[in-house]
Every structure is written in structure tokens, then in C-alpha cells.
Amino acid sequence: MNTKPSHLSRGMILLLAAASALGPVAMQIMLPAIPIVRESFDISTGTAQLTLSLSMFSIAVATLIYGPLSDRYGRRPIMLIGICITVLGSILCMMAGSIEWLIAGRIVQAAGGAVGLVLARAIVRDVYDAGQSASIIATLVMVMVVMPMISPLIGGELMVRYDWHSIFYLVAAISLVMLFAMYRLLPETLATPVPFTGTINMLKGFVGLFRSRVFTAYAFSTAFISVVFFTFISAAPEVMVSVLKRPPNEYGYYFIMVPAAFMAGNFMARKLSREMGIHRMITMGSRLSLFGIVVAIVLQVAGLHHPLALFVPVAVSTLGNGISLPNAQAGAINEFPHMAGSASGLTGFLQMALSALAAQLVALLFNGTVYPMLLLMLAGSMISLGAFMMVRKTHQTAD
């Protein structure tokens, strides 16, 4: 049995926040480089897109694994191992002489980077009670949103000045610094190890969750909100370069307004959800998201092909997603309070796995125009709203 610390220092909290952002940063910093990788290896858009979509799927699978491992062996060793895997993956990417090796390196890198997403919150919950942990986790979320927000900008500037290898030198350097800091500063916060009951029991728990129509509807509503966002971030760099004829670094500057709008939606959700209720907030956010995508399509049909005609309405859509996503997540987790961890893990897996499929599909459908991206976003938004309407119908029937 370990003696857990009574509190975490401010520096340790910021370090955990950086760890939680490592996976998303490593994933999104490469977005402006995907068109360059395609040209460098003389491959199709769909093949180049595997560097993103398979890394997203790798994160999805890894999020299901790190939690049980850390419950059994402790937070500290699993965190250190995960960051070591990130370093290894980055080195593989740096040395890649073919697209196959680059894809393999990205899968390893993403699997390692997912460790912070899972364990940073677990460490905070180990040390603090529910009331205290809420504000600290809010700090983790804020950093996790802000750092990936600026990472495409950094990636774009690296593309202008160097080549795509420079991205992985930077991620490897950041990971090594974080590994050293974690080794020196991170305490073990798990007081009592929890035996792992086995993969079969874990899968049975997931099947039990899917037997609930309400949970399933909330979970798929959440997942397809993410599909809308990841469809855009996976296709927009290629659209900027190939369709709008803009340099890679411009994508990062325009992209800032998209996660900024998502943060604004999160802020509105925190302020209004108690007063308005989950269902009204999800309805408002889903309709706003749908409206933004429709406006983007109308502007493109009207012949307005400036980046602002794309990014501004998409930011409006993302504002709506920022309103609806936390409420849909809360609905999914609250359906089974005694299985909140499993519900959260399964919902997160669906988000990343379906988003990975959407990222690859939009690359396969790319035809030199913006329409495959926008139509797939429209479909994702409509499915998300439809799934939520199933929740409302079920609740009305129960009433």
C-alpha cells in the first residue's frame, strides 16, 4: 500500500496538463504537413491520411488500456512508460524512409501520447475529492484545448522553414523533457492497487452499457459531434493547399478560430447547463452546429471560396458542438453512475474510433473540392441530432 500525497503543487498540475495535451498536440501538429508528406512520398491523399486516421484509432484503443493498467501497477510507472512510447514513436517517424514506416511510427507515437489523456485526470482524482478536483480538471481541459489549438500553427511554420521531419524532432524533444520532469517530480498517487478482473469482464460491462437505449443514443450523439470536428481538421489542410491554393502555414492561423469557438461553447455550457438543462442545451447546440455547416455549403455554392467563407461558419458550427458535447457526455455517464468509468472510457473510444473512420473516409472521397468534407460534416451533425432525438423520445415515453 502506498501513501498518496495530500496535494499536488501548481507546477505538478501544469505538468499533468501538458501530459494530457501531448497526444492531441502530436496528432494535430502534423495536420499542415499531410499535403507535404503526400507530395514527398508521391502517394494518394487517402494513403497520406492514414498518418492521421490510424493515429486517432491508436489513441482510441490505448485509452481503454491505460486505465486498468494504472489501477493495477500504479500511475507513475504507466505514465513514464507511455511517454517513453511517445519518444520511441517520434524517433521512428524521424527516421521513416517510407510512408509505411511513417504510419507505423505515428501509431506508436499516438499510443504513447494517449497516456496523459487517461492518467492526468486519474491522478487528480486520487489526490482530491470531487469538489476540489473539478476546478483542477478544468485547468487540465483548458490546457488540453489551448495547446492543440496552436500546434497546427507551429506545424505550418515548421513546414515553411524546414521539412516534415522537423515536426517529429520537436515532438521528441518535448516528450523527452516531459519524461525527465515526470521522472523527477511525479509521485505515486494510487493508494491501493486494484486487481484487473480480466478483458472478458471489461467487455461484458461494455455490452451491458450498449443494452441501454438511452446510453447508446447519448454515446453516439457524442461520437458524431466529434466526427464533425475531426472530419474538418483532417480535410481542411488539404483543402487549403489543393483547393484554396494557400500555403500550409495559413491553415494554422485560420484554424485558431475553430477551437476558440469550441472553448466559447464550453464556457456557455458551464454557465447555462444547470439553468437550462441538458436536453435544451444539446438541442440548441446541435441546431447551431447544423446551421453553421449549412451556411458553409451555401457560401461555397455561391462561389465564395475565401478561407473566411469556410472557417467562420465552421467556427459557428463548432460553437454549437462546444455547447452540446459536454452535456451529451454528462448524459451518457450519468445514465449509469456506478459504471461512470466504463461509460466514460467507452464513450471516448467511440469518439476517437468513429472520428478516425471519418477522417479516412473524407480523404478517400476527396475530389479536389470542399464538398466531400462539408457533406460528411453535415451527415455527422444530422446523425448526432437524430441520436439525441432518440433520447428525448425514450424519456417522453417513460414519462
Protein backbone atom coordinates (compact mmCIF):
# COMPACT_ATOMS: atom_id res chain seq x y z
CA MET A 1 0.00 0.00 0.00
CA ASN A 2 1.32 3.47 -0.96
CA THR A 3 0.85 6.73 0.95
CA LYS A 4 -0.62 9.15 -1.54
CA PRO A 5 0.31 12.85 -1.37
CA SER A 6 -2.12 15.27 0.26
CA HIS A 7 -1.90 17.77 -2.59
CA LEU A 8 -0.22 18.50 -5.91
CA SER A 9 1.95 21.54 -6.47
CA ARG A 10 0.96 24.12 -9.08
CA GLY A 11 3.94 23.06 -11.19
CA MET A 12 2.84 19.41 -10.99
CA ILE A 13 -0.68 20.34 -12.07
CA LEU A 14 0.69 22.24 -15.09
CA LEU A 15 2.92 19.27 -15.91
CA LEU A 16 -0.10 16.95 -15.81
CA ALA A 17 -1.96 19.40 -18.04
CA ALA A 18 0.91 19.29 -20.53
CA ALA A 19 0.89 15.49 -20.40
CA SER A 20 -2.84 15.42 -21.12
CA ALA A 21 -2.22 17.61 -24.18
CA LEU A 22 0.75 15.60 -25.51
CA GLY A 23 -1.33 13.15 -27.54
CA PRO A 24 -3.60 15.79 -29.17
CA VAL A 25 -0.59 18.05 -29.87
CA ALA A 26 1.38 15.23 -31.51
CA MET A 27 -1.67 14.40 -33.61
CA GLN A 28 -2.63 17.92 -34.70
CA ILE A 29 0.81 19.46 -35.19
CA MET A 30 1.18 17.27 -38.28
CA LEU A 31 -2.05 18.44 -39.95
CA PRO A 32 -0.38 21.12 -42.13
CA ALA A 33 2.28 18.57 -43.13
CA ILE A 34 -0.07 15.95 -44.58
CA PRO A 35 -0.15 17.55 -48.08
CA ILE A 36 3.66 17.84 -47.95
CA VAL A 37 4.00 14.18 -46.94
CA ARG A 38 1.71 13.24 -49.84
CA GLU A 39 3.95 15.09 -52.28
CA SER A 40 7.19 13.85 -50.67
CA PHE A 41 6.26 10.16 -51.00
CA ASP A 42 4.21 10.64 -54.20
CA ILE A 43 1.17 8.91 -52.71
CA SER A 44 -2.59 9.38 -52.79
CA THR A 45 -4.48 11.65 -50.40
CA GLY A 46 -6.11 8.58 -48.83
CA THR A 47 -2.76 6.95 -48.10
CA ALA A 48 -1.32 10.15 -46.62
CA GLN A 49 -4.43 10.48 -44.45
CA LEU A 50 -3.60 7.17 -42.75
CA THR A 51 -0.94 9.07 -40.78
CA LEU A 52 -3.84 10.84 -39.05
CA SER A 53 -6.71 8.35 -39.03
CA LEU A 54 -4.70 5.37 -37.76
CA SER A 55 -3.09 7.51 -35.07
CA MET A 56 -6.58 8.53 -33.93
CA PHE A 57 -7.64 4.88 -33.79
CA SER A 58 -4.47 4.10 -31.84
CA ILE A 59 -5.45 6.72 -29.25
CA ALA A 60 -8.95 5.21 -29.07
CA VAL A 61 -7.63 1.73 -28.26
CA ALA A 62 -4.96 2.99 -25.86
CA THR A 63 -7.49 4.92 -23.77
CA LEU A 64 -9.20 1.62 -22.93
CA ILE A 65 -5.93 0.03 -21.79
CA TYR A 66 -4.10 2.61 -19.67
CA GLY A 67 -6.80 2.91 -17.02
CA PRO A 68 -6.87 -0.76 -15.93
CA LEU A 69 -3.07 -0.99 -16.15
CA SER A 70 -2.61 2.05 -13.91
CA ASP A 71 -5.19 0.70 -11.44
CA ARG A 72 -3.10 -2.47 -11.17
CA TYR A 73 0.51 -1.23 -11.39
CA GLY A 74 0.27 2.42 -10.33
CA ARG A 75 0.01 5.80 -12.09
CA ARG A 76 3.71 6.70 -12.06
CA PRO A 77 5.19 3.66 -13.90
CA ILE A 78 2.44 3.60 -16.54
CA MET A 79 2.80 7.37 -17.14
CA LEU A 80 6.57 7.00 -17.62
CA ILE A 81 6.15 4.01 -19.93
CA GLY A 82 3.56 5.88 -22.01
CA ILE A 83 5.84 8.89 -22.51
CA CYS A 84 8.74 6.57 -23.42
CA ILE A 85 6.49 5.05 -26.10
CA THR A 86 5.79 8.56 -27.40
CA VAL A 87 9.53 9.23 -27.70
CA LEU A 88 10.05 5.89 -29.48
CA GLY A 89 7.24 6.64 -31.93
CA SER A 90 8.64 10.09 -32.66
CA ILE A 91 12.08 8.61 -33.39
CA LEU A 92 10.51 6.07 -35.76
CA CYS A 93 8.78 8.94 -37.58
CA MET A 94 12.01 10.95 -37.77
CA MET A 95 13.81 8.01 -39.38
CA ALA A 96 10.97 6.97 -41.69
CA GLY A 97 12.11 6.44 -45.26
CA SER A 98 8.73 5.21 -46.49
CA ILE A 99 5.10 6.01 -45.85
CA GLU A 100 4.64 2.59 -44.23
CA TRP A 101 7.29 3.33 -41.59
CA LEU A 102 5.86 6.81 -41.03
CA ILE A 103 2.38 5.39 -40.45
CA ALA A 104 3.79 2.78 -38.06
CA GLY A 105 5.68 5.48 -36.16
CA ARG A 106 2.55 7.60 -35.90
CA ILE A 107 0.59 4.66 -34.47
CA VAL A 108 3.26 4.08 -31.80
CA GLN A 109 3.56 7.80 -31.07
CA ALA A 110 -0.21 8.19 -30.64
CA ALA A 111 -0.50 5.11 -28.41
CA GLY A 112 2.10 6.62 -26.08
CA GLY A 113 0.64 10.12 -26.16
CA ALA A 114 -2.76 8.83 -25.01
CA VAL A 115 -1.36 8.05 -21.55
CA GLY A 116 -1.71 11.65 -20.36
CA LEU A 117 -5.32 11.87 -21.51
CA VAL A 118 -6.23 9.00 -19.20
CA LEU A 119 -3.87 9.29 -16.23
CA ALA A 120 -3.76 13.07 -15.64
CA ARG A 121 -7.39 13.09 -14.50
CA ALA A 122 -6.97 9.83 -12.60
CA ILE A 123 -4.04 11.31 -10.65
CA VAL A 124 -6.07 14.40 -9.75
CA ARG A 125 -8.98 12.21 -8.59
CA ASP A 126 -6.55 10.13 -6.48
CA VAL A 127 -5.43 13.17 -4.53
CA TYR A 128 -8.53 15.38 -4.29
CA ASP A 129 -12.20 14.87 -3.54
CA ALA A 130 -14.92 15.51 -6.13
CA GLY A 131 -15.39 19.18 -5.27
CA GLN A 132 -11.69 20.07 -5.27
CA SER A 133 -10.85 18.04 -8.36
CA ALA A 134 -13.44 19.80 -10.53
CA SER A 135 -11.54 23.09 -10.71
CA ILE A 136 -8.18 21.34 -11.24
CA ILE A 137 -9.57 19.16 -14.02
CA ALA A 138 -10.94 22.36 -15.61
CA THR A 139 -7.32 23.57 -15.79
CA LEU A 140 -6.29 20.31 -17.46
CA VAL A 141 -9.08 20.68 -20.02
CA MET A 142 -8.19 24.29 -20.76
CA VAL A 143 -4.53 23.45 -21.46
CA MET A 144 -5.57 20.38 -23.43
CA VAL A 145 -7.66 22.62 -25.71
CA VAL A 146 -5.26 25.58 -25.97
CA MET A 147 -2.08 23.63 -26.78
CA PRO A 148 -3.58 21.67 -29.71
CA MET A 149 -5.16 24.94 -30.85
CA ILE A 150 -1.76 26.49 -31.56
CA SER A 151 0.01 23.28 -32.63
CA PRO A 152 -1.18 23.42 -36.30
CA LEU A 153 0.14 26.98 -36.44
CA ILE A 154 3.54 25.76 -35.21
CA GLY A 155 3.43 22.84 -37.63
CA GLY A 156 2.64 25.18 -40.52
CA GLU A 157 5.55 27.47 -39.69
CA LEU A 158 7.89 24.46 -39.50
CA MET A 159 6.68 23.40 -42.96
CA VAL A 160 7.54 26.81 -44.39
CA ARG A 161 11.04 26.84 -42.88
CA TYR A 162 12.03 23.15 -42.81
CA ASP A 163 10.56 19.80 -43.93
CA TRP A 164 8.07 17.42 -42.30
CA HIS A 165 10.80 15.63 -40.29
CA SER A 166 11.17 18.77 -38.14
CA ILE A 167 7.77 18.13 -36.57
CA PHE A 168 8.92 14.86 -35.06
CA TYR A 169 12.20 16.32 -33.81
CA LEU A 170 10.10 18.86 -31.90
CA VAL A 171 7.64 16.28 -30.50
CA ALA A 172 10.52 14.00 -29.47
CA ALA A 173 12.27 16.90 -27.70
CA ILE A 174 9.07 17.90 -25.87
CA SER A 175 8.45 14.28 -24.85
CA LEU A 176 11.99 13.84 -23.54
CA VAL A 177 11.72 16.99 -21.42
CA MET A 178 8.36 15.80 -20.09
CA LEU A 179 9.79 12.34 -19.35
CA PHE A 180 12.65 13.82 -17.34
CA ALA A 181 10.29 16.14 -15.43
CA MET A 182 7.84 13.31 -14.67
CA TYR A 183 10.65 11.02 -13.50
CA ARG A 184 11.90 13.69 -11.11
CA LEU A 185 8.59 15.14 -9.89
CA LEU A 186 5.65 12.75 -10.30
CA PRO A 187 4.71 10.94 -7.07
CA GLU A 188 2.74 7.71 -6.94
CA THR A 189 -0.85 8.71 -6.12
CA LEU A 190 -2.58 5.31 -6.19
CA ALA A 191 -3.05 4.28 -2.56
CA THR A 192 -4.19 0.70 -3.12
CA PRO A 193 -3.75 -1.27 -6.37
CA VAL A 194 -6.96 -2.68 -7.86
CA PRO A 195 -6.76 -6.19 -9.37
CA PHE A 196 -7.61 -6.31 -13.06
CA THR A 197 -10.66 -8.60 -13.40
CA GLY A 198 -9.86 -9.51 -17.00
CA THR A 199 -10.68 -8.45 -20.51
CA ILE A 200 -13.83 -10.60 -20.66
CA ASN A 201 -15.41 -8.84 -17.67
CA MET A 202 -14.48 -5.45 -19.13
CA LEU A 203 -16.14 -6.35 -22.43
CA LYS A 204 -19.21 -7.65 -20.62
CA GLY A 205 -19.51 -4.26 -18.92
CA PHE A 206 -19.40 -2.52 -22.29
CA VAL A 207 -22.08 -4.84 -23.69
CA GLY A 208 -24.25 -4.06 -20.67
CA LEU A 209 -23.96 -0.35 -21.38
CA PHE A 210 -24.99 -0.82 -25.00
CA ARG A 211 -28.16 -2.61 -23.87
CA SER A 212 -29.43 0.76 -22.66
CA ARG A 213 -31.07 2.70 -25.50
CA VAL A 214 -30.54 5.94 -23.61
CA PHE A 215 -26.81 5.40 -23.08
CA THR A 216 -26.35 4.22 -26.67
CA ALA A 217 -28.15 7.27 -28.05
CA TYR A 218 -26.15 9.69 -25.87
CA ALA A 219 -22.88 7.91 -26.71
CA PHE A 220 -23.47 8.05 -30.46
CA SER A 221 -24.66 11.65 -30.25
CA THR A 222 -21.35 12.45 -28.52
CA ALA A 223 -19.34 10.42 -31.02
CA PHE A 224 -20.82 12.08 -34.10
CA ILE A 225 -20.25 15.55 -32.64
CA SER A 226 -16.57 14.56 -32.62
CA VAL A 227 -16.90 13.17 -36.16
CA VAL A 228 -17.92 16.64 -37.36
CA PHE A 229 -14.86 18.25 -35.77
CA PHE A 230 -12.31 15.64 -36.85
CA THR A 231 -13.69 15.48 -40.38
CA PHE A 232 -12.91 19.17 -40.68
CA ILE A 233 -9.43 19.13 -39.12
CA SER A 234 -8.41 16.11 -41.19
CA ALA A 235 -9.54 17.54 -44.54
CA ALA A 236 -9.10 21.30 -44.11
CA PRO A 237 -5.27 21.32 -44.54
CA GLU A 238 -5.60 19.59 -47.93
CA VAL A 239 -8.46 21.92 -48.88
CA MET A 240 -6.34 24.95 -48.00
CA VAL A 241 -3.40 23.79 -50.14
CA SER A 242 -5.10 21.99 -53.04
CA VAL A 243 -8.44 23.82 -53.36
CA LEU A 244 -7.88 27.32 -51.97
CA LYS A 245 -4.22 27.45 -53.10
CA ARG A 246 -2.91 28.77 -49.78
CA PRO A 247 0.47 27.99 -48.14
CA PRO A 248 0.45 25.41 -45.29
CA ASN A 249 1.19 27.95 -42.55
CA GLU A 250 -2.03 29.91 -43.26
CA TYR A 251 -4.10 26.95 -42.09
CA GLY A 252 -2.81 27.32 -38.54
CA TYR A 253 -3.81 30.99 -38.35
CA TYR A 254 -7.35 30.43 -39.64
CA PHE A 255 -7.72 27.26 -37.57
CA ILE A 256 -7.35 29.16 -34.28
CA MET A 257 -10.91 30.45 -34.52
CA VAL A 258 -12.30 26.87 -34.60
CA PRO A 259 -11.08 25.59 -31.18
CA ALA A 260 -11.58 29.11 -29.79
CA ALA A 261 -15.26 28.81 -30.73
CA PHE A 262 -15.35 25.36 -29.11
CA MET A 263 -13.95 26.84 -25.88
CA ALA A 264 -16.60 29.57 -26.01
CA GLY A 265 -19.27 26.90 -26.36
CA ASN A 266 -17.81 25.03 -23.36
CA PHE A 267 -17.95 28.26 -21.34
CA MET A 268 -21.61 28.75 -22.26
CA ALA A 269 -22.32 25.13 -21.31
CA ARG A 270 -20.77 25.61 -17.87
CA LYS A 271 -22.75 28.80 -17.26
CA LEU A 272 -26.13 27.74 -18.63
CA SER A 273 -26.48 23.96 -18.31
CA ARG A 274 -27.82 23.98 -14.74
CA GLU A 275 -30.38 26.64 -15.57
CA MET A 276 -31.50 25.32 -18.97
CA GLY A 277 -30.98 21.59 -18.50
CA ILE A 278 -29.11 19.01 -20.58
CA HIS A 279 -31.79 18.48 -23.20
CA ARG A 280 -32.31 22.14 -24.05
CA MET A 281 -28.56 22.74 -24.25
CA ILE A 282 -28.00 19.78 -26.57
CA THR A 283 -30.91 20.87 -28.76
CA MET A 284 -29.58 24.42 -29.00
CA GLY A 285 -26.01 23.31 -29.68
CA SER A 286 -26.96 20.68 -32.26
CA ARG A 287 -29.13 23.09 -34.22
CA LEU A 288 -26.41 25.75 -34.16
CA SER A 289 -23.89 23.21 -35.42
CA LEU A 290 -26.18 22.18 -38.26
CA PHE A 291 -26.83 25.81 -39.15
CA GLY A 292 -23.11 26.62 -39.42
CA ILE A 293 -22.44 23.71 -41.79
CA VAL A 294 -25.41 24.63 -43.99
CA VAL A 295 -24.15 28.23 -44.21
CA ALA A 296 -20.68 26.97 -45.22
CA ILE A 297 -22.21 24.88 -48.01
CA VAL A 298 -24.36 27.79 -49.23
CA LEU A 299 -21.34 30.13 -49.34
CA GLN A 300 -19.33 27.60 -51.35
CA VAL A 301 -22.20 27.09 -53.81
CA ALA A 302 -22.44 30.88 -54.14
CA GLY A 303 -18.80 30.93 -55.26
CA LEU A 304 -17.25 32.47 -52.13
CA HIS A 305 -14.04 30.45 -51.86
CA HIS A 306 -12.07 32.64 -49.45
CA PRO A 307 -10.86 30.80 -46.32
CA LEU A 308 -13.06 33.03 -44.15
CA ALA A 309 -16.15 31.79 -46.02
CA LEU A 310 -15.18 28.31 -44.79
CA PHE A 311 -13.68 28.86 -41.35
CA VAL A 312 -16.20 31.37 -39.97
CA PRO A 313 -19.33 29.21 -40.48
CA VAL A 314 -17.40 26.14 -39.33
CA ALA A 315 -16.47 28.09 -36.18
CA VAL A 316 -20.20 28.76 -35.66
CA SER A 317 -20.81 25.02 -36.02
CA THR A 318 -18.00 24.28 -33.55
CA LEU A 319 -19.52 26.77 -31.09
CA GLY A 320 -22.66 24.64 -31.17
CA ASN A 321 -20.61 21.49 -30.66
CA GLY A 322 -18.92 23.09 -27.66
CA ILE A 323 -22.37 23.65 -26.15
CA SER A 324 -23.77 20.19 -26.85
CA LEU A 325 -20.74 17.92 -26.35
CA PRO A 326 -20.22 18.27 -22.57
CA ASN A 327 -23.95 17.90 -21.99
CA ALA A 328 -24.16 14.78 -24.16
CA GLN A 329 -21.11 13.34 -22.36
CA ALA A 330 -22.72 14.06 -18.99
CA GLY A 331 -25.93 12.37 -20.15
CA ALA A 332 -24.04 9.22 -21.19
CA ILE A 333 -22.06 8.98 -17.94
CA ASN A 334 -24.98 9.85 -15.65
CA GLU A 335 -27.15 7.07 -17.06
CA PHE A 336 -25.07 4.53 -15.06
CA PRO A 337 -23.38 6.39 -12.16
CA HIS A 338 -21.95 3.15 -10.73
CA MET A 339 -20.23 2.50 -14.08
CA ALA A 340 -19.08 6.05 -14.77
CA GLY A 341 -15.51 4.99 -15.56
CA SER A 342 -16.56 2.35 -18.07
CA ALA A 343 -19.15 4.66 -19.60
CA SER A 344 -16.57 7.43 -19.97
CA GLY A 345 -13.98 5.08 -21.48
CA LEU A 346 -16.43 3.54 -23.94
CA THR A 347 -17.76 6.93 -24.99
CA GLY A 348 -14.22 8.19 -25.54
CA PHE A 349 -13.38 5.10 -27.59
CA LEU A 350 -16.43 5.64 -29.82
CA GLN A 351 -15.49 9.29 -30.31
CA MET A 352 -11.96 8.55 -31.48
CA ALA A 353 -12.72 5.35 -33.42
CA LEU A 354 -15.61 6.83 -35.45
CA SER A 355 -13.65 10.06 -35.96
CA ALA A 356 -10.73 8.01 -37.30
CA LEU A 357 -13.06 6.30 -39.78
CA ALA A 358 -14.49 9.66 -40.84
CA ALA A 359 -11.00 11.13 -41.30
CA GLN A 360 -10.08 8.29 -43.63
CA LEU A 361 -13.41 8.38 -45.47
CA VAL A 362 -13.17 12.08 -46.24
CA ALA A 363 -9.70 11.52 -47.71
CA LEU A 364 -10.99 8.70 -49.92
CA LEU A 365 -13.89 10.87 -51.10
CA PHE A 366 -11.73 13.94 -51.76
CA ASN A 367 -12.31 15.10 -55.35
CA GLY A 368 -10.48 18.42 -55.45
CA THR A 369 -13.40 20.35 -53.96
CA VAL A 370 -14.61 21.27 -50.49
CA TYR A 371 -17.92 19.39 -50.81
CA PRO A 372 -16.96 15.87 -49.60
CA MET A 373 -15.72 17.40 -46.35
CA LEU A 374 -18.78 19.61 -45.82
CA LEU A 375 -21.30 16.92 -46.79
CA LEU A 376 -19.68 14.41 -44.40
CA MET A 377 -19.79 17.06 -41.66
CA LEU A 378 -23.46 17.65 -42.47
CA ALA A 379 -24.19 13.93 -42.22
CA GLY A 380 -22.35 13.67 -38.88
CA SER A 381 -24.26 16.63 -37.46
CA MET A 382 -27.61 15.20 -38.58
CA ILE A 383 -26.84 11.74 -37.14
CA SER A 384 -25.79 13.33 -33.84
CA LEU A 385 -29.03 15.28 -33.64
CA GLY A 386 -31.03 12.19 -34.64
CA ALA A 387 -29.38 10.11 -31.91
CA PHE A 388 -30.22 12.78 -29.34
CA MET A 389 -33.85 12.86 -30.51
CA MET A 390 -33.98 9.14 -29.69
CA VAL A 391 -33.02 10.03 -26.10
CA ARG A 392 -35.78 12.60 -25.89
CA LYS A 393 -38.33 10.18 -27.35
CA THR A 394 -37.32 7.49 -24.84
CA HIS A 395 -37.62 9.93 -21.93
CA GLN A 396 -41.00 11.17 -23.13
CA THR A 397 -42.24 7.57 -23.46
CA ALA A 398 -41.02 6.83 -19.93
CA ASP A 399 -42.83 9.90 -18.62
